[in-house]
Amino acid sequence: MNTPTAPRIWTIVTAGAIALGVALTVNAPAAQAERISESTIKSECRAAGGTYSTTVIKGIGERHSSCTYKDEDGNKWTDVYTNGEYQGTDPA
């Protein structure tokens, strides 16, 4: 049975890309979260079609921001930031 060449090539390319990604992730040094401005969080959230919110906790001066959006499969996610540092993504 003959298999078309293009699907085989894409399988090989995809497998190679995954292997490279795993190798880079395993060998990458631990990165510290970079702070980004609230205006960047807000504009990137808007660009993703998300809903941005922020709260400042008085007394300790912490700002907690979030962006809730849907991925291409329709699943809702929330990116969470504290004082501009990305904390993680949670299912919404």
PDB file of N, CA and C in Angstrom:
ATOM      1  N   MET A   1       0.842  -1.169   0.000  1.00  0.00           N
ATOM      2  CA  MET A   1       0.000   0.000   0.000  1.00  0.00           C
ATOM      3  C   MET A   1       0.890   1.236   0.000  1.00  0.00           C
ATOM      4  N   ASN A   2       0.605   2.160  -0.884  1.00  0.00           N
ATOM      5  CA  ASN A   2       1.382   3.391  -0.967  1.00  0.00           C
ATOM      6  C   ASN A   2       0.795   4.454  -0.060  1.00  0.00           C
ATOM      7  N   THR A   3       1.668   5.066   0.752  1.00  0.00           N
ATOM      8  CA  THR A   3       1.260   6.174   1.610  1.00  0.00           C
ATOM      9  C   THR A   3       1.782   7.449   0.982  1.00  0.00           C
ATOM     10  N   PRO A   4       0.951   8.481   0.874  1.00  0.00           N
ATOM     11  CA  PRO A   4       1.440   9.737   0.303  1.00  0.00           C
ATOM     12  C   PRO A   4       2.644  10.261   1.080  1.00  0.00           C
ATOM     13  N   THR A   5       3.574  10.887   0.371  1.00  0.00           N
ATOM     14  CA  THR A   5       4.810  11.376   0.972  1.00  0.00           C
ATOM     15  C   THR A   5       4.559  12.520   1.936  1.00  0.00           C
ATOM     16  N   ALA A   6       3.678  13.452   1.594  1.00  0.00           N
ATOM     17  CA  ALA A   6       3.461  14.641   2.428  1.00  0.00           C
ATOM     18  C   ALA A   6       3.063  14.296   3.859  1.00  0.00           C
ATOM     19  N   PRO A   7       2.083  13.405   4.085  1.00  0.00           N
ATOM     20  CA  PRO A   7       1.747  13.088   5.478  1.00  0.00           C
ATOM     21  C   PRO A   7       2.911  12.472   6.255  1.00  0.00           C
ATOM     22  N   ARG A   8       3.720  11.629   5.585  1.00  0.00           N
ATOM     23  CA  ARG A   8       4.875  11.043   6.251  1.00  0.00           C
ATOM     24  C   ARG A   8       5.879  12.114   6.646  1.00  0.00           C
ATOM     25  N   ILE A   9       6.110  13.073   5.761  1.00  0.00           N
ATOM     26  CA  ILE A   9       7.057  14.150   6.048  1.00  0.00           C
ATOM     27  C   ILE A   9       6.567  14.972   7.230  1.00  0.00           C
ATOM     28  N   TRP A  10       5.268  15.315   7.250  1.00  0.00           N
ATOM     29  CA  TRP A  10       4.729  16.110   8.363  1.00  0.00           C
ATOM     30  C   TRP A  10       4.814  15.343   9.677  1.00  0.00           C
ATOM     31  N   THR A  11       4.663  14.028   9.623  1.00  0.00           N
ATOM     32  CA  THR A  11       4.796  13.221  10.832  1.00  0.00           C
ATOM     33  C   THR A  11       6.216  13.300  11.360  1.00  0.00           C
ATOM     34  N   ILE A  12       7.184  13.206  10.473  1.00  0.00           N
ATOM     35  CA  ILE A  12       8.594  13.269  10.863  1.00  0.00           C
ATOM     36  C   ILE A  12       8.929  14.659  11.392  1.00  0.00           C
ATOM     37  N   VAL A  13       8.466  15.708  10.687  1.00  0.00           N
ATOM     38  CA  VAL A  13       8.740  17.088  11.115  1.00  0.00           C
ATOM     39  C   VAL A  13       8.104  17.355  12.480  1.00  0.00           C
ATOM     40  N   THR A  14       6.870  16.917  12.654  1.00  0.00           N
ATOM     41  CA  THR A  14       6.175  17.126  13.928  1.00  0.00           C
ATOM     42  C   THR A  14       6.889  16.401  15.059  1.00  0.00           C
ATOM     43  N   ALA A  15       7.279  15.152  14.835  1.00  0.00           N
ATOM     44  CA  ALA A  15       7.981  14.384  15.862  1.00  0.00           C
ATOM     45  C   ALA A  15       9.302  15.064  16.225  1.00  0.00           C
ATOM     46  N   GLY A  16       9.999  15.571  15.239  1.00  0.00           N
ATOM     47  CA  GLY A  16      11.260  16.277  15.494  1.00  0.00           C
ATOM     48  C   GLY A  16      11.046  17.545  16.296  1.00  0.00           C
ATOM     49  N   ALA A  17       9.998  18.288  15.970  1.00  0.00           N
ATOM     50  CA  ALA A  17       9.696  19.522  16.694  1.00  0.00           C
ATOM     51  C   ALA A  17       9.339  19.228  18.147  1.00  0.00           C
ATOM     52  N   ILE A  18       8.571  18.182  18.374  1.00  0.00           N
ATOM     53  CA  ILE A  18       8.211  17.807  19.744  1.00  0.00           C
ATOM     54  C   ILE A  18       9.456  17.402  20.521  1.00  0.00           C
ATOM     55  N   ALA A  19      10.322  16.610  19.907  1.00  0.00           N
ATOM     56  CA  ALA A  19      11.545  16.172  20.584  1.00  0.00           C
ATOM     57  C   ALA A  19      12.430  17.369  20.927  1.00  0.00           C
ATOM     58  N   LEU A  20      12.536  18.325  20.015  1.00  0.00           N
ATOM     59  CA  LEU A  20      13.336  19.518  20.267  1.00  0.00           C
ATOM     60  C   LEU A  20      12.731  20.325  21.418  1.00  0.00           C
ATOM     61  N   GLY A  21      11.409  20.482  21.415  1.00  0.00           N
ATOM     62  CA  GLY A  21      10.737  21.214  22.490  1.00  0.00           C
ATOM     63  C   GLY A  21      10.970  20.577  23.837  1.00  0.00           C
ATOM     64  N   VAL A  22      10.887  19.257  23.898  1.00  0.00           N
ATOM     65  CA  VAL A  22      11.133  18.546  25.157  1.00  0.00           C
ATOM     66  C   VAL A  22      12.578  18.750  25.595  1.00  0.00           C
ATOM     67  N   ALA A  23      13.513  18.646  24.660  1.00  0.00           N
ATOM     68  CA  ALA A  23      14.927  18.805  25.007  1.00  0.00           C
ATOM     69  C   ALA A  23      15.200  20.214  25.532  1.00  0.00           C
ATOM     70  N   LEU A  24      14.627  21.216  24.902  1.00  0.00           N
ATOM     71  CA  LEU A  24      14.841  22.589  25.358  1.00  0.00           C
ATOM     72  C   LEU A  24      14.204  22.833  26.717  1.00  0.00           C
ATOM     73  N   THR A  25      13.043  22.255  26.950  1.00  0.00           N
ATOM     74  CA  THR A  25      12.358  22.433  28.231  1.00  0.00           C
ATOM     75  C   THR A  25      13.132  21.760  29.353  1.00  0.00           C
ATOM     76  N   VAL A  26      13.607  20.557  29.115  1.00  0.00           N
ATOM     77  CA  VAL A  26      14.332  19.814  30.147  1.00  0.00           C
ATOM     78  C   VAL A  26      15.651  20.497  30.477  1.00  0.00           C
ATOM     79  N   ASN A  27      16.318  21.058  29.472  1.00  0.00           N
ATOM     80  CA  ASN A  27      17.634  21.649  29.682  1.00  0.00           C
ATOM     81  C   ASN A  27      17.607  23.136  29.994  1.00  0.00           C
ATOM     82  N   ALA A  28      16.440  23.752  29.973  1.00  0.00           N
ATOM     83  CA  ALA A  28      16.344  25.189  30.218  1.00  0.00           C
ATOM     84  C   ALA A  28      16.551  25.497  31.689  1.00  0.00           C
ATOM     85  N   PRO A  29      17.282  26.573  31.976  1.00  0.00           N
ATOM     86  CA  PRO A  29      17.438  26.959  33.381  1.00  0.00           C
ATOM     87  C   PRO A  29      16.119  27.513  33.909  1.00  0.00           C
ATOM     88  N   ALA A  30      15.959  27.439  35.211  1.00  0.00           N
ATOM     89  CA  ALA A  30      14.741  27.967  35.820  1.00  0.00           C
ATOM     90  C   ALA A  30      14.680  29.467  35.569  1.00  0.00           C
ATOM     91  N   ALA A  31      13.597  29.910  34.991  1.00  0.00           N
ATOM     92  CA  ALA A  31      13.460  31.323  34.660  1.00  0.00           C
ATOM     93  C   ALA A  31      12.642  32.028  35.733  1.00  0.00           C
ATOM     94  N   GLN A  32      13.031  33.234  36.016  1.00  0.00           N
ATOM     95  CA  GLN A  32      12.252  34.044  36.933  1.00  0.00           C
ATOM     96  C   GLN A  32      11.187  34.762  36.131  1.00  0.00           C
ATOM     97  N   ALA A  33      10.031  34.928  36.731  1.00  0.00           N
ATOM     98  CA  ALA A  33       8.940  35.612  36.049  1.00  0.00           C
ATOM     99  C   ALA A  33       9.316  37.071  35.850  1.00  0.00           C
ATOM    100  N   GLU A  34       9.053  37.569  34.653  1.00  0.00           N
ATOM    101  CA  GLU A  34       9.306  38.967  34.353  1.00  0.00           C
ATOM    102  C   GLU A  34       8.041  39.764  34.602  1.00  0.00           C
ATOM    103  N   ARG A  35       8.194  40.935  35.141  1.00  0.00           N
ATOM    104  CA  ARG A  35       7.049  41.804  35.352  1.00  0.00           C
ATOM    105  C   ARG A  35       6.701  42.502  34.055  1.00  0.00           C
ATOM    106  N   ILE A  36       5.413  42.584  33.794  1.00  0.00           N
ATOM    107  CA  ILE A  36       4.938  43.348  32.649  1.00  0.00           C
ATOM    108  C   ILE A  36       3.932  44.372  33.163  1.00  0.00           C
ATOM    109  N   SER A  37       3.766  45.422  32.406  1.00  0.00           N
ATOM    110  CA  SER A  37       2.899  46.511  32.854  1.00  0.00           C
ATOM    111  C   SER A  37       1.431  46.099  32.786  1.00  0.00           C
ATOM    112  N   GLU A  38       0.633  46.769  33.587  1.00  0.00           N
ATOM    113  CA  GLU A  38      -0.812  46.521  33.567  1.00  0.00           C
ATOM    114  C   GLU A  38      -1.394  46.840  32.204  1.00  0.00           C
ATOM    115  N   SER A  39      -0.874  47.875  31.555  1.00  0.00           N
ATOM    116  CA  SER A  39      -1.400  48.223  30.227  1.00  0.00           C
ATOM    117  C   SER A  39      -1.115  47.114  29.223  1.00  0.00           C
ATOM    118  N   THR A  40       0.030  46.429  29.370  1.00  0.00           N
ATOM    119  CA  THR A  40       0.351  45.303  28.484  1.00  0.00           C
ATOM    120  C   THR A  40      -0.574  44.127  28.766  1.00  0.00           C
ATOM    121  N   ILE A  41      -0.782  43.822  30.049  1.00  0.00           N
ATOM    122  CA  ILE A  41      -1.691  42.728  30.404  1.00  0.00           C
ATOM    123  C   ILE A  41      -3.075  43.015  29.825  1.00  0.00           C
ATOM    124  N   LYS A  42      -3.544  44.236  30.013  1.00  0.00           N
ATOM    125  CA  LYS A  42      -4.878  44.622  29.553  1.00  0.00           C
ATOM    126  C   LYS A  42      -4.989  44.571  28.032  1.00  0.00           C
ATOM    127  N   SER A  43      -3.996  45.095  27.314  1.00  0.00           N
ATOM    128  CA  SER A  43      -4.070  45.118  25.847  1.00  0.00           C
ATOM    129  C   SER A  43      -3.938  43.716  25.254  1.00  0.00           C
ATOM    130  N   GLU A  44      -3.078  42.873  25.848  1.00  0.00           N
ATOM    131  CA  GLU A  44      -2.946  41.502  25.347  1.00  0.00           C
ATOM    132  C   GLU A  44      -4.212  40.705  25.618  1.00  0.00           C
ATOM    133  N   CYS A  45      -4.843  40.982  26.764  1.00  0.00           N
ATOM    134  CA  CYS A  45      -6.102  40.317  27.092  1.00  0.00           C
ATOM    135  C   CYS A  45      -7.181  40.718  26.085  1.00  0.00           C
ATOM    136  N   ARG A  46      -7.265  42.004  25.809  1.00  0.00           N
ATOM    137  CA  ARG A  46      -8.245  42.504  24.844  1.00  0.00           C
ATOM    138  C   ARG A  46      -7.998  41.884  23.466  1.00  0.00           C
ATOM    139  N   ALA A  47      -6.726  41.790  23.063  1.00  0.00           N
ATOM    140  CA  ALA A  47      -6.380  41.216  21.761  1.00  0.00           C
ATOM    141  C   ALA A  47      -6.795  39.744  21.667  1.00  0.00           C
ATOM    142  N   ALA A  48      -6.807  39.051  22.814  1.00  0.00           N
ATOM    143  CA  ALA A  48      -7.205  37.633  22.843  1.00  0.00           C
ATOM    144  C   ALA A  48      -8.719  37.473  22.991  1.00  0.00           C
ATOM    145  N   GLY A  49      -9.434  38.606  23.034  1.00  0.00           N
ATOM    146  CA  GLY A  49     -10.886  38.541  23.194  1.00  0.00           C
ATOM    147  C   GLY A  49     -11.296  38.218  24.616  1.00  0.00           C
ATOM    148  N   GLY A  50     -10.392  38.485  25.570  1.00  0.00           N
ATOM    149  CA  GLY A  50     -10.645  38.129  26.958  1.00  0.00           C
ATOM    150  C   GLY A  50     -11.229  39.254  27.779  1.00  0.00           C
ATOM    151  N   THR A  51     -11.487  38.940  29.045  1.00  0.00           N
ATOM    152  CA  THR A  51     -11.998  39.899  30.011  1.00  0.00           C
ATOM    153  C   THR A  51     -10.925  40.140  31.061  1.00  0.00           C
ATOM    154  N   TYR A  52     -10.503  41.381  31.173  1.00  0.00           N
ATOM    155  CA  TYR A  52      -9.445  41.786  32.098  1.00  0.00           C
ATOM    156  C   TYR A  52     -10.062  42.295  33.388  1.00  0.00           C
ATOM    157  N   SER A  53      -9.444  41.960  34.519  1.00  0.00           N
ATOM    158  CA  SER A  53      -9.851  42.551  35.797  1.00  0.00           C
ATOM    159  C   SER A  53      -8.620  42.733  36.670  1.00  0.00           C
ATOM    160  N   THR A  54      -8.700  43.668  37.602  1.00  0.00           N
ATOM    161  CA  THR A  54      -7.590  43.904  38.524  1.00  0.00           C
ATOM    162  C   THR A  54      -8.122  44.421  39.849  1.00  0.00           C
ATOM    163  N   THR A  55      -7.394  44.101  40.912  1.00  0.00           N
ATOM    164  CA  THR A  55      -7.736  44.534  42.260  1.00  0.00           C
ATOM    165  C   THR A  55      -6.442  44.873  42.985  1.00  0.00           C
ATOM    166  N   VAL A  56      -6.453  45.990  43.703  1.00  0.00           N
ATOM    167  CA  VAL A  56      -5.305  46.349  44.533  1.00  0.00           C
ATOM    168  C   VAL A  56      -5.691  46.098  45.979  1.00  0.00           C
ATOM    169  N   ILE A  57      -4.843  45.328  46.674  1.00  0.00           N
ATOM    170  CA  ILE A  57      -5.094  45.041  48.082  1.00  0.00           C
ATOM    171  C   ILE A  57      -4.426  46.147  48.892  1.00  0.00           C
ATOM    172  N   LYS A  58      -5.255  47.001  49.462  1.00  0.00           N
ATOM    173  CA  LYS A  58      -4.731  48.115  50.246  1.00  0.00           C
ATOM    174  C   LYS A  58      -4.068  47.574  51.508  1.00  0.00           C
ATOM    175  N   GLY A  59      -3.115  48.297  51.971  1.00  0.00           N
ATOM    176  CA  GLY A  59      -2.392  47.875  53.168  1.00  0.00           C
ATOM    177  C   GLY A  59      -1.097  47.163  52.816  1.00  0.00           C
ATOM    178  N   ILE A  60      -1.166  46.271  51.822  1.00  0.00           N
ATOM    179  CA  ILE A  60       0.066  45.593  51.391  1.00  0.00           C
ATOM    180  C   ILE A  60       0.477  46.021  49.991  1.00  0.00           C
ATOM    181  N   GLY A  61      -0.419  46.740  49.302  1.00  0.00           N
ATOM    182  CA  GLY A  61      -0.076  47.297  47.999  1.00  0.00           C
ATOM    183  C   GLY A  61       0.113  46.290  46.883  1.00  0.00           C
ATOM    184  N   GLU A  62      -0.478  45.122  47.017  1.00  0.00           N
ATOM    185  CA  GLU A  62      -0.376  44.117  45.946  1.00  0.00           C
ATOM    186  C   GLU A  62      -1.491  44.317  44.935  1.00  0.00           C
ATOM    187  N   ARG A  63      -1.136  44.163  43.668  1.00  0.00           N
ATOM    188  CA  ARG A  63      -2.124  44.208  42.600  1.00  0.00           C
ATOM    189  C   ARG A  63      -2.290  42.809  42.036  1.00  0.00           C
ATOM    190  N   HIS A  64      -3.524  42.341  42.014  1.00  0.00           N
ATOM    191  CA  HIS A  64      -3.847  41.036  41.443  1.00  0.00           C
ATOM    192  C   HIS A  64      -4.676  41.278  40.187  1.00  0.00           C
ATOM    193  N   SER A  65      -4.173  40.793  39.065  1.00  0.00           N
ATOM    194  CA  SER A  65      -4.847  40.983  37.785  1.00  0.00           C
ATOM    195  C   SER A  65      -5.108  39.635  37.141  1.00  0.00           C
ATOM    196  N   SER A  66      -6.110  39.609  36.284  1.00  0.00           N
ATOM    197  CA  SER A  66      -6.417  38.366  35.577  1.00  0.00           C
ATOM    198  C   SER A  66      -6.988  38.670  34.207  1.00  0.00           C
ATOM    199  N   CYS A  67      -6.883  37.680  33.350  1.00  0.00           N
ATOM    200  CA  CYS A  67      -7.472  37.741  32.016  1.00  0.00           C
ATOM    201  C   CYS A  67      -8.144  36.394  31.764  1.00  0.00           C
ATOM    202  N   THR A  68      -9.456  36.434  31.571  1.00  0.00           N
ATOM    203  CA  THR A  68     -10.206  35.213  31.285  1.00  0.00           C
ATOM    204  C   THR A  68     -10.563  35.208  29.806  1.00  0.00           C
ATOM    205  N   TYR A  69     -10.255  34.114  29.130  1.00  0.00           N
ATOM    206  CA  TYR A  69     -10.445  34.014  27.684  1.00  0.00           C
ATOM    207  C   TYR A  69     -10.795  32.579  27.312  1.00  0.00           C
ATOM    208  N   LYS A  70     -11.193  32.393  26.065  1.00  0.00           N
ATOM    209  CA  LYS A  70     -11.479  31.052  25.542  1.00  0.00           C
ATOM    210  C   LYS A  70     -10.397  30.658  24.550  1.00  0.00           C
ATOM    211  N   ASP A  71      -9.992  29.382  24.615  1.00  0.00           N
ATOM    212  CA  ASP A  71      -9.041  28.889  23.624  1.00  0.00           C
ATOM    213  C   ASP A  71      -9.791  28.496  22.359  1.00  0.00           C
ATOM    214  N   GLU A  72      -9.071  27.991  21.372  1.00  0.00           N
ATOM    215  CA  GLU A  72      -9.687  27.681  20.076  1.00  0.00           C
ATOM    216  C   GLU A  72     -10.704  26.543  20.160  1.00  0.00           C
ATOM    217  N   ASP A  73     -10.672  25.770  21.247  1.00  0.00           N
ATOM    218  CA  ASP A  73     -11.643  24.696  21.432  1.00  0.00           C
ATOM    219  C   ASP A  73     -12.854  25.143  22.252  1.00  0.00           C
ATOM    220  N   GLY A  74     -12.860  26.422  22.671  1.00  0.00           N
ATOM    221  CA  GLY A  74     -13.969  26.946  23.444  1.00  0.00           C
ATOM    222  C   GLY A  74     -13.818  26.773  24.944  1.00  0.00           C
ATOM    223  N   ASN A  75     -12.661  26.260  25.403  1.00  0.00           N
ATOM    224  CA  ASN A  75     -12.417  26.100  26.837  1.00  0.00           C
ATOM    225  C   ASN A  75     -12.019  27.447  27.437  1.00  0.00           C
ATOM    226  N   LYS A  76     -12.541  27.751  28.632  1.00  0.00           N
ATOM    227  CA  LYS A  76     -12.214  29.007  29.296  1.00  0.00           C
ATOM    228  C   LYS A  76     -10.992  28.835  30.199  1.00  0.00           C
ATOM    229  N   TRP A  77     -10.103  29.839  30.169  1.00  0.00           N
ATOM    230  CA  TRP A  77      -8.884  29.852  30.967  1.00  0.00           C
ATOM    231  C   TRP A  77      -8.710  31.231  31.581  1.00  0.00           C
ATOM    232  N   THR A  78      -8.011  31.283  32.702  1.00  0.00           N
ATOM    233  CA  THR A  78      -7.701  32.563  33.335  1.00  0.00           C
ATOM    234  C   THR A  78      -6.201  32.638  33.599  1.00  0.00           C
ATOM    235  N   ASP A  79      -5.552  33.649  33.007  1.00  0.00           N
ATOM    236  CA  ASP A  79      -4.155  33.940  33.304  1.00  0.00           C
ATOM    237  C   ASP A  79      -4.143  34.847  34.528  1.00  0.00           C
ATOM    238  N   VAL A  80      -3.295  34.523  35.500  1.00  0.00           N
ATOM    239  CA  VAL A  80      -3.270  35.242  36.772  1.00  0.00           C
ATOM    240  C   VAL A  80      -1.911  35.931  36.938  1.00  0.00           C
ATOM    241  N   TYR A  81      -1.954  37.195  37.392  1.00  0.00           N
ATOM    242  CA  TYR A  81      -0.748  37.998  37.605  1.00  0.00           C
ATOM    243  C   TYR A  81      -0.794  38.627  38.992  1.00  0.00           C
ATOM    244  N   THR A  82       0.367  38.721  39.640  1.00  0.00           N
ATOM    245  CA  THR A  82       0.507  39.463  40.888  1.00  0.00           C
ATOM    246  C   THR A  82       1.612  40.489  40.683  1.00  0.00           C
ATOM    247  N   ASN A  83       1.243  41.759  40.844  1.00  0.00           N
ATOM    248  CA  ASN A  83       2.187  42.863  40.620  1.00  0.00           C
ATOM    249  C   ASN A  83       2.893  42.752  39.273  1.00  0.00           C
ATOM    250  N   GLY A  84       2.141  42.315  38.253  1.00  0.00           N
ATOM    251  CA  GLY A  84       2.690  42.230  36.902  1.00  0.00           C
ATOM    252  C   GLY A  84       3.469  40.958  36.607  1.00  0.00           C
ATOM    253  N   GLU A  85       3.631  40.072  37.596  1.00  0.00           N
ATOM    254  CA  GLU A  85       4.342  38.809  37.375  1.00  0.00           C
ATOM    255  C   GLU A  85       3.325  37.714  37.101  1.00  0.00           C
ATOM    256  N   TYR A  86       3.532  37.011  36.007  1.00  0.00           N
ATOM    257  CA  TYR A  86       2.662  35.898  35.636  1.00  0.00           C
ATOM    258  C   TYR A  86       2.764  34.802  36.685  1.00  0.00           C
ATOM    259  N   GLN A  87       1.604  34.371  37.211  1.00  0.00           N
ATOM    260  CA  GLN A  87       1.568  33.330  38.235  1.00  0.00           C
ATOM    261  C   GLN A  87       1.163  31.967  37.680  1.00  0.00           C
ATOM    262  N   GLY A  88       0.378  31.986  36.606  1.00  0.00           N
ATOM    263  CA  GLY A  88      -0.040  30.729  36.026  1.00  0.00           C
ATOM    264  C   GLY A  88      -1.383  30.879  35.318  1.00  0.00           C
ATOM    265  N   THR A  89      -1.845  29.775  34.741  1.00  0.00           N
ATOM    266  CA  THR A  89      -3.124  29.741  34.037  1.00  0.00           C
ATOM    267  C   THR A  89      -3.992  28.690  34.695  1.00  0.00           C
ATOM    268  N   ASP A  90      -5.203  29.098  35.029  1.00  0.00           N
ATOM    269  CA  ASP A  90      -6.157  28.216  35.688  1.00  0.00           C
ATOM    270  C   ASP A  90      -7.360  28.000  34.795  1.00  0.00           C
ATOM    271  N   PRO A  91      -7.975  26.809  34.871  1.00  0.00           N
ATOM    272  CA  PRO A  91      -9.255  26.630  34.159  1.00  0.00           C
ATOM    273  C   PRO A  91     -10.288  27.560  34.778  1.00  0.00           C
ATOM    274  N   ALA A  92     -11.092  28.172  33.937  1.00  0.00           N
ATOM    275  CA  ALA A  92     -12.095  29.125  34.455  1.00  0.00           C
ATOM    276  C   ALA A  92     -13.418  28.443  34.673  1.00  0.00           C
TER     277      ALA A  92
END
